[in-house]
Amino acid sequence: MPGSVKTLTAVTVTALIVVTAYTVTMGSSGWLWFAWVVLVMATAGAVTTRRN
């Protein structure tokens, strides 16, 4: 996995932790979860593209 994909994966995992912590402390935010899902899709696309 190239460095840029590893960085994107690390950002995605970090974002999950941050969004989860925000949800636990402040309450759920649909926009944050939506943004995280979009980030996951972008990460999955990058991983898939780099494997071929």
N, C-alpha and C. Protein backbone atom coordinates (compact mmCIF):
# COMPACT_ATOMS: atom_id res chain seq x y z
N MET A 1 0.85 -1.17 0.00
CA MET A 1 0.00 0.00 0.00
C MET A 1 0.90 1.24 0.00
N PRO A 2 0.71 2.13 -0.97
CA PRO A 2 1.53 3.35 -1.01
C PRO A 2 1.30 4.25 0.21
N GLY A 3 2.23 5.16 0.42
CA GLY A 3 2.17 6.03 1.59
C GLY A 3 0.91 6.88 1.66
N SER A 4 0.44 7.36 0.50
CA SER A 4 -0.76 8.22 0.52
C SER A 4 -2.00 7.44 0.95
N VAL A 5 -2.09 6.18 0.56
CA VAL A 5 -3.24 5.36 0.95
C VAL A 5 -3.15 5.02 2.43
N LYS A 6 -1.95 4.78 2.93
CA LYS A 6 -1.78 4.52 4.36
C LYS A 6 -2.18 5.74 5.17
N THR A 7 -1.80 6.91 4.70
CA THR A 7 -2.17 8.15 5.38
C THR A 7 -3.68 8.34 5.38
N LEU A 8 -4.31 8.10 4.24
CA LEU A 8 -5.76 8.24 4.15
C LEU A 8 -6.46 7.25 5.08
N THR A 9 -5.95 6.05 5.18
CA THR A 9 -6.51 5.05 6.08
C THR A 9 -6.36 5.49 7.53
N ALA A 10 -5.20 6.02 7.87
CA ALA A 10 -4.98 6.51 9.24
C ALA A 10 -5.92 7.68 9.56
N VAL A 11 -6.11 8.57 8.61
CA VAL A 11 -7.03 9.70 8.81
C VAL A 11 -8.46 9.19 9.01
N THR A 12 -8.85 8.17 8.25
CA THR A 12 -10.19 7.61 8.37
C THR A 12 -10.42 7.00 9.75
N VAL A 13 -9.44 6.25 10.23
CA VAL A 13 -9.57 5.63 11.55
C VAL A 13 -9.59 6.70 12.64
N THR A 14 -8.73 7.70 12.51
CA THR A 14 -8.71 8.80 13.47
C THR A 14 -10.04 9.55 13.46
N ALA A 15 -10.59 9.77 12.28
CA ALA A 15 -11.88 10.46 12.17
C ALA A 15 -12.99 9.65 12.85
N LEU A 16 -12.94 8.32 12.72
CA LEU A 16 -13.93 7.48 13.40
C LEU A 16 -13.84 7.67 14.90
N ILE A 17 -12.64 7.70 15.43
CA ILE A 17 -12.46 7.89 16.87
C ILE A 17 -12.99 9.25 17.30
N VAL A 18 -12.68 10.28 16.53
CA VAL A 18 -13.12 11.63 16.87
C VAL A 18 -14.65 11.76 16.79
N VAL A 19 -15.25 11.22 15.73
CA VAL A 19 -16.71 11.30 15.59
C VAL A 19 -17.40 10.51 16.69
N THR A 20 -16.85 9.35 17.03
CA THR A 20 -17.43 8.56 18.11
C THR A 20 -17.33 9.29 19.44
N ALA A 21 -16.18 9.89 19.72
CA ALA A 21 -16.01 10.65 20.96
C ALA A 21 -16.96 11.84 21.00
N TYR A 22 -17.13 12.52 19.88
CA TYR A 22 -18.05 13.65 19.81
C TYR A 22 -19.48 13.17 20.09
N THR A 23 -19.85 12.04 19.49
CA THR A 23 -21.20 11.51 19.68
C THR A 23 -21.44 11.15 21.14
N VAL A 24 -20.45 10.57 21.80
CA VAL A 24 -20.60 10.18 23.20
C VAL A 24 -20.72 11.41 24.10
N THR A 25 -19.93 12.43 23.83
CA THR A 25 -19.91 13.60 24.72
C THR A 25 -20.98 14.63 24.40
N MET A 26 -21.21 14.90 23.12
CA MET A 26 -22.09 16.00 22.73
C MET A 26 -23.42 15.55 22.15
N GLY A 27 -23.53 14.30 21.77
CA GLY A 27 -24.74 13.82 21.13
C GLY A 27 -24.49 13.58 19.65
N SER A 28 -25.38 12.86 19.04
CA SER A 28 -25.18 12.46 17.65
C SER A 28 -25.31 13.64 16.70
N SER A 29 -24.50 13.60 15.66
CA SER A 29 -24.57 14.59 14.59
C SER A 29 -24.59 13.84 13.26
N GLY A 30 -25.70 13.92 12.60
CA GLY A 30 -25.85 13.22 11.32
C GLY A 30 -24.84 13.66 10.28
N TRP A 31 -24.52 14.95 10.26
CA TRP A 31 -23.56 15.46 9.28
C TRP A 31 -22.16 14.91 9.50
N LEU A 32 -21.77 14.76 10.77
CA LEU A 32 -20.45 14.18 11.04
C LEU A 32 -20.38 12.73 10.58
N TRP A 33 -21.42 11.97 10.86
CA TRP A 33 -21.43 10.58 10.43
C TRP A 33 -21.49 10.47 8.91
N PHE A 34 -22.25 11.35 8.28
CA PHE A 34 -22.31 11.37 6.82
C PHE A 34 -20.94 11.66 6.23
N ALA A 35 -20.25 12.65 6.79
CA ALA A 35 -18.91 13.00 6.31
C ALA A 35 -17.95 11.82 6.51
N TRP A 36 -18.08 11.12 7.62
CA TRP A 36 -17.21 9.98 7.86
C TRP A 36 -17.47 8.86 6.86
N VAL A 37 -18.75 8.62 6.55
CA VAL A 37 -19.09 7.58 5.56
C VAL A 37 -18.51 7.95 4.19
N VAL A 38 -18.58 9.22 3.82
CA VAL A 38 -17.99 9.66 2.55
C VAL A 38 -16.47 9.43 2.58
N LEU A 39 -15.83 9.72 3.70
CA LEU A 39 -14.40 9.48 3.85
C LEU A 39 -14.07 7.99 3.73
N VAL A 40 -14.89 7.14 4.32
CA VAL A 40 -14.69 5.69 4.21
C VAL A 40 -14.80 5.25 2.76
N MET A 41 -15.78 5.78 2.05
CA MET A 41 -15.95 5.41 0.63
C MET A 41 -14.75 5.86 -0.20
N ALA A 42 -14.24 7.05 0.08
CA ALA A 42 -13.06 7.53 -0.63
C ALA A 42 -11.85 6.66 -0.32
N THR A 43 -11.71 6.26 0.94
CA THR A 43 -10.60 5.39 1.33
C THR A 43 -10.72 4.03 0.66
N ALA A 44 -11.91 3.47 0.65
CA ALA A 44 -12.13 2.18 0.01
C ALA A 44 -11.82 2.26 -1.48
N GLY A 45 -12.21 3.34 -2.10
CA GLY A 45 -11.90 3.54 -3.52
C GLY A 45 -10.41 3.64 -3.78
N ALA A 46 -9.70 4.35 -2.91
CA ALA A 46 -8.24 4.48 -3.06
C ALA A 46 -7.55 3.14 -2.87
N VAL A 47 -8.00 2.39 -1.87
CA VAL A 47 -7.39 1.06 -1.62
C VAL A 47 -7.65 0.14 -2.80
N THR A 48 -8.86 0.14 -3.32
CA THR A 48 -9.22 -0.71 -4.45
C THR A 48 -8.43 -0.33 -5.69
N THR A 49 -8.30 0.96 -5.92
CA THR A 49 -7.58 1.44 -7.10
C THR A 49 -6.10 1.08 -7.04
N ARG A 50 -5.49 1.19 -5.85
CA ARG A 50 -4.07 0.92 -5.70
C ARG A 50 -3.74 -0.57 -5.76
N ARG A 51 -4.71 -1.43 -5.54
CA ARG A 51 -4.44 -2.88 -5.58
C ARG A 51 -4.29 -3.38 -7.00
N ASN A 52 -4.91 -2.71 -7.95
CA ASN A 52 -4.88 -3.19 -9.35
C ASN A 52 -3.65 -2.75 -10.08
